[in-house]
Amino acid sequence: MQITTHCQPQPTQPRLLVFVNNDALGDSMMKLPFLQCVRKRYATHHITLLSNQHSVFTSTLAALAKPYI
């Protein structure tokens, strides 16, 4: 009897979590250069942005932030 599994381990890239607090439009505009530097320094990492409230990086600034997160 052969047992197969559908959840084979996949090689994963390193991950980086960036937490932002109370992410409003002006605050986010100031964070874009930071995100550029983080992406440049950690080019091979999967970067996740975590916010404790709604983030404009998922709406208003989504197109600007997409290359970095």
C-alpha atoms as a PDB file:
ATOM      1  CA  MET A   1       0.000   0.000   0.000  1.00  0.00           C
ATOM      2  CA  GLN A   2       1.375   3.365  -1.033  1.00  0.00           C
ATOM      3  CA  ILE A   3       0.598   6.478   1.011  1.00  0.00           C
ATOM      4  CA  THR A   4       0.667   9.791  -0.774  1.00  0.00           C
ATOM      5  CA  THR A   5       0.344  13.216   0.698  1.00  0.00           C
ATOM      6  CA  HIS A   6      -0.819  16.406  -0.944  1.00  0.00           C
ATOM      7  CA  CYS A   7       1.153  18.621   1.416  1.00  0.00           C
ATOM      8  CA  GLN A   8       4.712  18.094   0.329  1.00  0.00           C
ATOM      9  CA  PRO A   9       7.195  20.495   1.955  1.00  0.00           C
ATOM     10  CA  GLN A  10       8.115  23.238  -0.450  1.00  0.00           C
ATOM     11  CA  PRO A  11      11.372  25.178  -0.326  1.00  0.00           C
ATOM     12  CA  THR A  12      10.526  28.579   1.050  1.00  0.00           C
ATOM     13  CA  GLN A  13      12.293  31.853   0.773  1.00  0.00           C
ATOM     14  CA  PRO A  14      13.256  33.786   3.905  1.00  0.00           C
ATOM     15  CA  ARG A  15      10.474  35.914   5.335  1.00  0.00           C
ATOM     16  CA  LEU A  16      10.428  39.378   6.842  1.00  0.00           C
ATOM     17  CA  LEU A  17       7.558  40.965   8.744  1.00  0.00           C
ATOM     18  CA  VAL A  18       7.207  44.764   8.856  1.00  0.00           C
ATOM     19  CA  PHE A  19       4.718  46.073  11.420  1.00  0.00           C
ATOM     20  CA  VAL A  20       3.182  49.534  11.038  1.00  0.00           C
ATOM     21  CA  ASN A  21       1.038  51.306  13.609  1.00  0.00           C
ATOM     22  CA  ASN A  22      -1.924  53.514  12.667  1.00  0.00           C
ATOM     23  CA  ASP A  23      -1.066  53.743   8.980  1.00  0.00           C
ATOM     24  CA  ALA A  24      -2.583  56.949   7.550  1.00  0.00           C
ATOM     25  CA  LEU A  25      -1.836  58.483   4.134  1.00  0.00           C
ATOM     26  CA  GLY A  26       0.864  60.928   5.270  1.00  0.00           C
ATOM     27  CA  ASP A  27       2.556  58.338   7.457  1.00  0.00           C
ATOM     28  CA  SER A  28       2.567  55.851   4.608  1.00  0.00           C
ATOM     29  CA  MET A  29       4.057  58.326   2.145  1.00  0.00           C
ATOM     30  CA  MET A  30       6.935  58.794   4.575  1.00  0.00           C
ATOM     31  CA  LYS A  31       7.365  55.007   4.849  1.00  0.00           C
ATOM     32  CA  LEU A  32       7.777  54.415   1.106  1.00  0.00           C
ATOM     33  CA  PRO A  33      11.535  55.219   1.099  1.00  0.00           C
ATOM     34  CA  PHE A  34      11.937  52.882   4.081  1.00  0.00           C
ATOM     35  CA  LEU A  35      10.159  50.092   2.199  1.00  0.00           C
ATOM     36  CA  GLN A  36      12.398  50.719  -0.820  1.00  0.00           C
ATOM     37  CA  CYS A  37      15.484  50.273   1.367  1.00  0.00           C
ATOM     38  CA  VAL A  38      14.078  47.159   3.009  1.00  0.00           C
ATOM     39  CA  ARG A  39      13.327  45.610  -0.407  1.00  0.00           C
ATOM     40  CA  LYS A  40      16.795  46.474  -1.688  1.00  0.00           C
ATOM     41  CA  ARG A  41      18.518  45.034   1.399  1.00  0.00           C
ATOM     42  CA  TYR A  42      16.314  41.918   1.602  1.00  0.00           C
ATOM     43  CA  ALA A  43      15.764  41.327  -2.110  1.00  0.00           C
ATOM     44  CA  THR A  44      15.311  37.564  -1.785  1.00  0.00           C
ATOM     45  CA  HIS A  45      12.910  37.736   1.173  1.00  0.00           C
ATOM     46  CA  HIS A  46       9.148  37.533   1.159  1.00  0.00           C
ATOM     47  CA  ILE A  47       8.092  40.790   2.866  1.00  0.00           C
ATOM     48  CA  THR A  48       4.772  40.988   4.690  1.00  0.00           C
ATOM     49  CA  LEU A  49       3.351  44.272   5.947  1.00  0.00           C
ATOM     50  CA  LEU A  50       1.236  43.982   9.086  1.00  0.00           C
ATOM     51  CA  SER A  51      -0.888  46.849  10.376  1.00  0.00           C
ATOM     52  CA  ASN A  52      -2.976  47.073  13.521  1.00  0.00           C
ATOM     53  CA  GLN A  53      -5.657  48.995  11.598  1.00  0.00           C
ATOM     54  CA  HIS A  54      -6.592  49.601   7.965  1.00  0.00           C
ATOM     55  CA  SER A  55      -3.545  50.431   5.857  1.00  0.00           C
ATOM     56  CA  VAL A  56      -3.588  52.710   2.834  1.00  0.00           C
ATOM     57  CA  PHE A  57      -0.966  50.363   1.350  1.00  0.00           C
ATOM     58  CA  THR A  58      -3.892  48.056   0.528  1.00  0.00           C
ATOM     59  CA  SER A  59      -5.960  50.786  -1.104  1.00  0.00           C
ATOM     60  CA  THR A  60      -4.782  54.303  -1.975  1.00  0.00           C
ATOM     61  CA  LEU A  61      -1.062  53.510  -2.148  1.00  0.00           C
ATOM     62  CA  ALA A  62      -1.333  49.891  -3.261  1.00  0.00           C
ATOM     63  CA  ALA A  63       0.204  50.540  -6.686  1.00  0.00           C
ATOM     64  CA  LEU A  64       3.164  52.411  -5.181  1.00  0.00           C
ATOM     65  CA  ALA A  65       3.828  49.820  -2.478  1.00  0.00           C
ATOM     66  CA  LYS A  66       3.400  46.687  -4.619  1.00  0.00           C
ATOM     67  CA  PRO A  67       7.028  46.500  -5.819  1.00  0.00           C
ATOM     68  CA  TYR A  68       8.276  46.534  -2.219  1.00  0.00           C
ATOM     69  CA  ILE A  69       5.836  44.364  -0.231  1.00  0.00           C
END
